[in-house]
Amino acid sequence: MIILLFRLLLFAAIIILLYSAYKYLMNPKRKLEVAQEKKAFYFLDDADNIQKNFLITYKGFIFEGEKYVGTTEDSLEVVNVIVYTHQPEQLHGFERKDLYFLEEEILMRYPYAKVEWKHPINRLHLH
């Protein structure tokens, strides 16, 4: 009986360990950190929660975007997005074409939005 109970507890521990590993690997914040380390593009957003800001990593830089809701002809949509970074002094080597790429990615997700860049990023941006 004790051996059966031990096997059951061991099986439960293995299941819990596998579930924890799966949750760790699928965590969006971890994916963002991995993408930043690899200097890859990753867009972290909860599209269902308009009040929650989105995060973008690109070329090792992290940007945060604030979403603002407004009205369009048919419905309420995100009509304004303000993008900034918490460490603007680290943007050495960032170019205008990189901003255009990020703006296109934002507009794919929020087609009615007007994208605004905060200082000093807006110095690179020409419309």
N, C-alpha and C. Protein backbone atom coordinates (compact mmCIF):
# COMPACT_ATOMS: atom_id res chain seq x y z
N MET A 1 0.82 -1.20 0.00
CA MET A 1 0.00 0.00 0.00
C MET A 1 0.86 1.27 0.00
N ILE A 2 1.93 1.25 0.80
CA ILE A 2 2.80 2.41 0.88
C ILE A 2 3.51 2.62 -0.47
N ILE A 3 3.88 1.56 -1.14
CA ILE A 3 4.55 1.67 -2.44
C ILE A 3 3.60 2.28 -3.46
N LEU A 4 2.34 1.88 -3.43
CA LEU A 4 1.35 2.44 -4.34
C LEU A 4 1.15 3.94 -4.09
N LEU A 5 1.09 4.33 -2.83
CA LEU A 5 0.94 5.74 -2.47
C LEU A 5 2.17 6.53 -2.91
N PHE A 6 3.36 5.96 -2.72
CA PHE A 6 4.59 6.62 -3.15
C PHE A 6 4.61 6.82 -4.66
N ARG A 7 4.22 5.81 -5.41
CA ARG A 7 4.16 5.92 -6.87
C ARG A 7 3.17 7.00 -7.30
N LEU A 8 2.04 7.05 -6.63
CA LEU A 8 1.03 8.07 -6.96
C LEU A 8 1.57 9.48 -6.69
N LEU A 9 2.23 9.67 -5.57
CA LEU A 9 2.83 10.97 -5.25
C LEU A 9 3.95 11.32 -6.23
N LEU A 10 4.75 10.34 -6.60
CA LEU A 10 5.81 10.57 -7.57
C LEU A 10 5.23 10.97 -8.93
N PHE A 11 4.18 10.29 -9.35
CA PHE A 11 3.51 10.62 -10.61
C PHE A 11 2.93 12.03 -10.56
N ALA A 12 2.30 12.41 -9.43
CA ALA A 12 1.75 13.76 -9.28
C ALA A 12 2.86 14.81 -9.32
N ALA A 13 4.00 14.51 -8.71
CA ALA A 13 5.12 15.45 -8.71
C ALA A 13 5.65 15.64 -10.13
N ILE A 14 5.72 14.58 -10.89
CA ILE A 14 6.20 14.67 -12.28
C ILE A 14 5.23 15.51 -13.11
N ILE A 15 3.93 15.28 -12.93
CA ILE A 15 2.91 16.06 -13.65
C ILE A 15 3.04 17.55 -13.30
N ILE A 16 3.19 17.86 -12.03
CA ILE A 16 3.32 19.26 -11.60
C ILE A 16 4.60 19.87 -12.18
N LEU A 17 5.68 19.13 -12.20
CA LEU A 17 6.94 19.61 -12.75
C LEU A 17 6.81 19.89 -14.25
N LEU A 18 6.19 19.00 -14.99
CA LEU A 18 5.98 19.20 -16.43
C LEU A 18 5.08 20.40 -16.70
N TYR A 19 4.03 20.56 -15.91
CA TYR A 19 3.12 21.70 -16.07
C TYR A 19 3.86 23.01 -15.79
N SER A 20 4.66 23.03 -14.74
CA SER A 20 5.42 24.25 -14.40
C SER A 20 6.41 24.61 -15.51
N ALA A 21 7.08 23.60 -16.06
CA ALA A 21 8.03 23.85 -17.15
C ALA A 21 7.30 24.40 -18.37
N TYR A 22 6.14 23.84 -18.68
CA TYR A 22 5.36 24.32 -19.81
C TYR A 22 4.94 25.78 -19.61
N LYS A 23 4.43 26.11 -18.42
CA LYS A 23 4.01 27.49 -18.14
C LYS A 23 5.20 28.45 -18.22
N TYR A 24 6.37 28.02 -17.77
CA TYR A 24 7.55 28.86 -17.85
C TYR A 24 7.94 29.12 -19.30
N LEU A 25 7.96 28.07 -20.10
CA LEU A 25 8.37 28.21 -21.50
C LEU A 25 7.38 29.03 -22.32
N MET A 26 6.12 29.00 -21.98
CA MET A 26 5.11 29.70 -22.76
C MET A 26 4.79 31.09 -22.21
N ASN A 27 5.49 31.53 -21.18
CA ASN A 27 5.25 32.84 -20.56
C ASN A 27 5.63 33.95 -21.56
N PRO A 28 4.69 34.85 -21.88
CA PRO A 28 4.98 35.91 -22.85
C PRO A 28 6.10 36.86 -22.41
N LYS A 29 6.21 37.13 -21.13
CA LYS A 29 7.29 38.02 -20.65
C LYS A 29 8.65 37.37 -20.90
N ARG A 30 8.74 36.06 -20.72
CA ARG A 30 9.99 35.36 -20.97
C ARG A 30 10.32 35.40 -22.46
N LYS A 31 9.28 35.25 -23.30
CA LYS A 31 9.51 35.33 -24.75
C LYS A 31 10.02 36.71 -25.15
N LEU A 32 9.51 37.74 -24.49
CA LEU A 32 9.97 39.10 -24.76
C LEU A 32 11.45 39.25 -24.38
N GLU A 33 11.83 38.71 -23.22
CA GLU A 33 13.22 38.79 -22.78
C GLU A 33 14.15 38.02 -23.70
N VAL A 34 13.71 36.85 -24.15
CA VAL A 34 14.53 36.05 -25.08
C VAL A 34 14.70 36.79 -26.40
N ALA A 35 13.62 37.39 -26.90
CA ALA A 35 13.70 38.14 -28.15
C ALA A 35 14.63 39.34 -28.01
N GLN A 36 14.60 39.99 -26.84
CA GLN A 36 15.49 41.12 -26.63
C GLN A 36 16.95 40.67 -26.62
N GLU A 37 17.23 39.55 -25.97
CA GLU A 37 18.60 39.03 -25.95
C GLU A 37 19.09 38.65 -27.35
N LYS A 38 18.18 38.11 -28.17
CA LYS A 38 18.54 37.70 -29.53
C LYS A 38 18.45 38.85 -30.52
N LYS A 39 18.04 40.02 -30.03
CA LYS A 39 17.85 41.21 -30.86
C LYS A 39 16.86 40.95 -31.99
N ALA A 40 15.79 40.27 -31.64
CA ALA A 40 14.74 39.92 -32.60
C ALA A 40 13.51 40.79 -32.33
N PHE A 41 12.54 40.69 -33.23
CA PHE A 41 11.29 41.43 -33.07
C PHE A 41 10.29 40.57 -32.30
N TYR A 42 9.62 41.17 -31.31
CA TYR A 42 8.54 40.50 -30.60
C TYR A 42 7.55 41.56 -30.13
N PHE A 43 6.28 41.29 -30.33
CA PHE A 43 5.21 42.22 -29.96
C PHE A 43 4.38 41.57 -28.86
N LEU A 44 4.42 42.11 -27.66
CA LEU A 44 3.68 41.58 -26.52
C LEU A 44 2.51 42.50 -26.24
N ASP A 45 1.30 41.99 -26.46
CA ASP A 45 0.11 42.82 -26.30
C ASP A 45 -1.06 41.95 -25.88
N ASP A 46 -1.89 42.51 -25.02
CA ASP A 46 -3.16 41.90 -24.67
C ASP A 46 -4.22 42.71 -25.42
N ALA A 47 -4.57 42.24 -26.61
CA ALA A 47 -5.48 43.00 -27.47
C ALA A 47 -6.86 43.13 -26.86
N ASP A 48 -7.24 42.22 -25.98
CA ASP A 48 -8.56 42.28 -25.34
C ASP A 48 -8.62 43.34 -24.25
N ASN A 49 -7.48 43.73 -23.71
CA ASN A 49 -7.43 44.72 -22.64
C ASN A 49 -6.83 46.01 -23.20
N ILE A 50 -7.70 46.95 -23.56
CA ILE A 50 -7.25 48.19 -24.19
C ILE A 50 -6.48 49.06 -23.19
N GLN A 51 -6.74 48.91 -21.91
CA GLN A 51 -6.08 49.76 -20.92
C GLN A 51 -4.64 49.33 -20.65
N LYS A 52 -4.27 48.13 -21.08
CA LYS A 52 -2.93 47.62 -20.83
C LYS A 52 -2.00 48.00 -21.98
N ASN A 53 -0.87 48.58 -21.64
CA ASN A 53 0.11 48.99 -22.65
C ASN A 53 0.72 47.76 -23.31
N PHE A 54 1.23 47.95 -24.53
CA PHE A 54 1.92 46.85 -25.19
C PHE A 54 3.42 47.10 -25.15
N LEU A 55 4.18 46.03 -25.31
CA LEU A 55 5.63 46.10 -25.33
C LEU A 55 6.14 45.53 -26.64
N ILE A 56 7.16 46.16 -27.19
CA ILE A 56 7.80 45.70 -28.42
C ILE A 56 9.29 45.63 -28.16
N THR A 57 9.90 44.55 -28.59
CA THR A 57 11.36 44.51 -28.60
C THR A 57 11.81 44.38 -30.05
N TYR A 58 12.83 45.15 -30.38
CA TYR A 58 13.36 45.14 -31.74
C TYR A 58 14.81 45.57 -31.68
N LYS A 59 15.68 44.77 -32.26
CA LYS A 59 17.12 45.02 -32.27
C LYS A 59 17.68 45.24 -30.87
N GLY A 60 17.10 44.56 -29.89
CA GLY A 60 17.58 44.65 -28.52
C GLY A 60 17.02 45.81 -27.73
N PHE A 61 16.20 46.64 -28.34
CA PHE A 61 15.59 47.78 -27.66
C PHE A 61 14.16 47.43 -27.27
N ILE A 62 13.71 47.93 -26.14
CA ILE A 62 12.32 47.70 -25.72
C ILE A 62 11.57 49.02 -25.79
N PHE A 63 10.41 48.97 -26.42
CA PHE A 63 9.52 50.12 -26.53
C PHE A 63 8.20 49.79 -25.87
N GLU A 64 7.58 50.81 -25.30
CA GLU A 64 6.27 50.64 -24.69
C GLU A 64 5.29 51.55 -25.41
N GLY A 65 4.10 51.05 -25.64
CA GLY A 65 3.08 51.81 -26.33
C GLY A 65 1.82 51.96 -25.49
N GLU A 66 1.37 53.18 -25.36
CA GLU A 66 0.11 53.48 -24.66
C GLU A 66 -1.00 53.57 -25.69
N LYS A 67 -2.09 52.86 -25.43
CA LYS A 67 -3.22 52.83 -26.36
C LYS A 67 -4.32 53.75 -25.84
N TYR A 68 -4.91 54.52 -26.74
CA TYR A 68 -6.02 55.40 -26.39
C TYR A 68 -7.20 55.11 -27.31
N VAL A 69 -8.36 54.94 -26.71
CA VAL A 69 -9.56 54.57 -27.45
C VAL A 69 -10.30 55.82 -27.87
N GLY A 70 -10.89 55.74 -29.06
CA GLY A 70 -11.72 56.81 -29.58
C GLY A 70 -12.75 56.21 -30.52
N THR A 71 -13.51 57.06 -31.13
CA THR A 71 -14.56 56.58 -32.02
C THR A 71 -14.12 56.65 -33.47
N THR A 72 -14.53 55.65 -34.22
CA THR A 72 -14.39 55.67 -35.67
C THR A 72 -15.81 55.77 -36.22
N GLU A 73 -15.98 55.60 -37.50
CA GLU A 73 -17.32 55.69 -38.08
C GLU A 73 -18.25 54.61 -37.56
N ASP A 74 -17.69 53.42 -37.29
CA ASP A 74 -18.53 52.29 -36.93
C ASP A 74 -18.45 51.87 -35.47
N SER A 75 -17.34 52.10 -34.80
CA SER A 75 -17.19 51.55 -33.45
C SER A 75 -16.12 52.29 -32.66
N LEU A 76 -15.91 51.81 -31.44
CA LEU A 76 -14.81 52.31 -30.62
C LEU A 76 -13.57 51.49 -30.95
N GLU A 77 -12.50 52.17 -31.25
CA GLU A 77 -11.25 51.52 -31.63
C GLU A 77 -10.09 52.27 -30.99
N VAL A 78 -8.92 51.68 -31.05
CA VAL A 78 -7.71 52.37 -30.63
C VAL A 78 -7.38 53.37 -31.73
N VAL A 79 -7.44 54.66 -31.40
CA VAL A 79 -7.22 55.70 -32.41
C VAL A 79 -5.90 56.44 -32.22
N ASN A 80 -5.25 56.23 -31.08
CA ASN A 80 -3.99 56.92 -30.84
C ASN A 80 -3.07 55.99 -30.05
N VAL A 81 -1.83 55.93 -30.46
CA VAL A 81 -0.81 55.13 -29.78
C VAL A 81 0.40 56.02 -29.58
N ILE A 82 0.87 56.10 -28.34
CA ILE A 82 2.08 56.86 -28.03
C ILE A 82 3.16 55.86 -27.66
N VAL A 83 4.27 55.89 -28.39
CA VAL A 83 5.34 54.92 -28.20
C VAL A 83 6.56 55.64 -27.61
N TYR A 84 7.18 54.99 -26.63
CA TYR A 84 8.37 55.56 -25.99
C TYR A 84 9.24 54.43 -25.48
N THR A 85 10.41 54.77 -25.02
CA THR A 85 11.30 53.82 -24.39
C THR A 85 11.74 54.40 -23.05
N HIS A 86 12.00 53.51 -22.10
CA HIS A 86 12.42 53.96 -20.77
C HIS A 86 13.91 54.29 -20.73
N GLN A 87 14.66 53.85 -21.75
CA GLN A 87 16.10 54.09 -21.79
C GLN A 87 16.50 54.68 -23.13
N PRO A 88 16.11 55.93 -23.39
CA PRO A 88 16.41 56.53 -24.70
C PRO A 88 17.91 56.70 -24.97
N GLU A 89 18.72 56.75 -23.93
CA GLU A 89 20.15 56.92 -24.13
C GLU A 89 20.79 55.69 -24.75
N GLN A 90 20.10 54.55 -24.75
CA GLN A 90 20.64 53.32 -25.32
C GLN A 90 20.23 53.10 -26.78
N LEU A 91 19.58 54.06 -27.39
CA LEU A 91 19.09 53.90 -28.76
C LEU A 91 20.15 54.17 -29.82
N HIS A 92 21.41 54.09 -29.44
CA HIS A 92 22.49 54.33 -30.40
C HIS A 92 22.41 53.31 -31.53
N GLY A 93 22.38 53.80 -32.76
CA GLY A 93 22.33 52.92 -33.92
C GLY A 93 20.92 52.68 -34.44
N PHE A 94 19.93 53.23 -33.78
CA PHE A 94 18.55 53.07 -34.23
C PHE A 94 18.30 54.04 -35.37
N GLU A 95 17.66 53.57 -36.44
CA GLU A 95 17.50 54.39 -37.64
C GLU A 95 16.04 54.64 -37.96
N ARG A 96 15.82 55.55 -38.88
CA ARG A 96 14.48 55.92 -39.32
C ARG A 96 13.72 54.72 -39.90
N LYS A 97 14.41 53.88 -40.67
CA LYS A 97 13.75 52.71 -41.25
C LYS A 97 13.26 51.74 -40.17
N ASP A 98 13.95 51.71 -39.03
CA ASP A 98 13.50 50.88 -37.92
C ASP A 98 12.19 51.40 -37.35
N LEU A 99 12.06 52.73 -37.29
CA LEU A 99 10.81 53.32 -36.81
C LEU A 99 9.67 53.02 -37.77
N TYR A 100 9.95 53.08 -39.06
CA TYR A 100 8.91 52.76 -40.04
C TYR A 100 8.46 51.31 -39.90
N PHE A 101 9.41 50.40 -39.67
CA PHE A 101 9.06 49.00 -39.47
C PHE A 101 8.15 48.83 -38.25
N LEU A 102 8.53 49.46 -37.14
CA LEU A 102 7.72 49.35 -35.92
C LEU A 102 6.34 49.97 -36.11
N GLU A 103 6.29 51.08 -36.81
CA GLU A 103 5.01 51.74 -37.06
C GLU A 103 4.11 50.86 -37.91
N GLU A 104 4.66 50.19 -38.91
CA GLU A 104 3.87 49.27 -39.72
C GLU A 104 3.31 48.13 -38.89
N GLU A 105 4.13 47.60 -37.99
CA GLU A 105 3.68 46.50 -37.12
C GLU A 105 2.55 46.95 -36.20
N ILE A 106 2.66 48.15 -35.67
CA ILE A 106 1.60 48.69 -34.81
C ILE A 106 0.33 48.90 -35.61
N LEU A 107 0.46 49.46 -36.82
CA LEU A 107 -0.72 49.73 -37.64
C LEU A 107 -1.39 48.45 -38.15
N MET A 108 -0.65 47.36 -38.26
CA MET A 108 -1.27 46.08 -38.62
C MET A 108 -2.22 45.62 -37.52
N ARG A 109 -1.86 45.90 -36.29
CA ARG A 109 -2.68 45.48 -35.15
C ARG A 109 -3.77 46.50 -34.82
N TYR A 110 -3.46 47.77 -35.03
CA TYR A 110 -4.41 48.85 -34.74
C TYR A 110 -4.50 49.76 -35.96
N PRO A 111 -5.28 49.38 -36.96
CA PRO A 111 -5.29 50.11 -38.24
C PRO A 111 -5.84 51.53 -38.16
N TYR A 112 -6.62 51.85 -37.16
CA TYR A 112 -7.20 53.19 -37.05
C TYR A 112 -6.33 54.14 -36.22
N ALA A 113 -5.22 53.63 -35.72
CA ALA A 113 -4.40 54.41 -34.79
C ALA A 113 -3.48 55.39 -35.50
N LYS A 114 -3.26 56.50 -34.84
CA LYS A 114 -2.23 57.45 -35.23
C LYS A 114 -1.07 57.21 -34.26
N VAL A 115 0.09 56.90 -34.79
CA VAL A 115 1.25 56.57 -33.95
C VAL A 115 2.07 57.82 -33.70
N GLU A 116 2.30 58.10 -32.43
CA GLU A 116 3.13 59.23 -32.03
C GLU A 116 4.35 58.71 -31.27
N TRP A 117 5.48 59.31 -31.51
CA TRP A 117 6.72 58.90 -30.85
C TRP A 117 7.14 59.99 -29.89
N LYS A 118 7.51 59.60 -28.67
CA LYS A 118 7.98 60.57 -27.69
C LYS A 118 9.44 60.90 -27.92
N HIS A 119 9.85 62.05 -27.38
CA HIS A 119 11.22 62.53 -27.48
C HIS A 119 12.15 61.52 -26.85
N PRO A 120 13.28 61.22 -27.36
CA PRO A 120 13.99 61.74 -28.51
C PRO A 120 13.71 60.97 -29.80
N ILE A 121 12.87 59.96 -29.73
CA ILE A 121 12.61 59.14 -30.91
C ILE A 121 11.96 59.97 -32.01
N ASN A 122 11.11 60.91 -31.65
CA ASN A 122 10.41 61.70 -32.67
C ASN A 122 11.35 62.56 -33.50
N ARG A 123 12.57 62.75 -33.06
CA ARG A 123 13.56 63.51 -33.84
C ARG A 123 13.96 62.75 -35.11
N LEU A 124 13.91 61.42 -35.06
CA LEU A 124 14.25 60.60 -36.23
C LEU A 124 13.10 60.54 -37.23
N HIS A 125 11.92 60.70 -36.74
CA HIS A 125 10.73 60.41 -37.53
C HIS A 125 10.33 61.59 -38.40
N LEU A 126 10.24 61.36 -39.70
CA LEU A 126 9.72 62.36 -40.62
C LEU A 126 8.54 61.77 -41.34
N HIS A 127 7.43 62.45 -41.38
CA HIS A 127 6.23 61.91 -42.05
C HIS A 127 6.26 62.22 -43.51
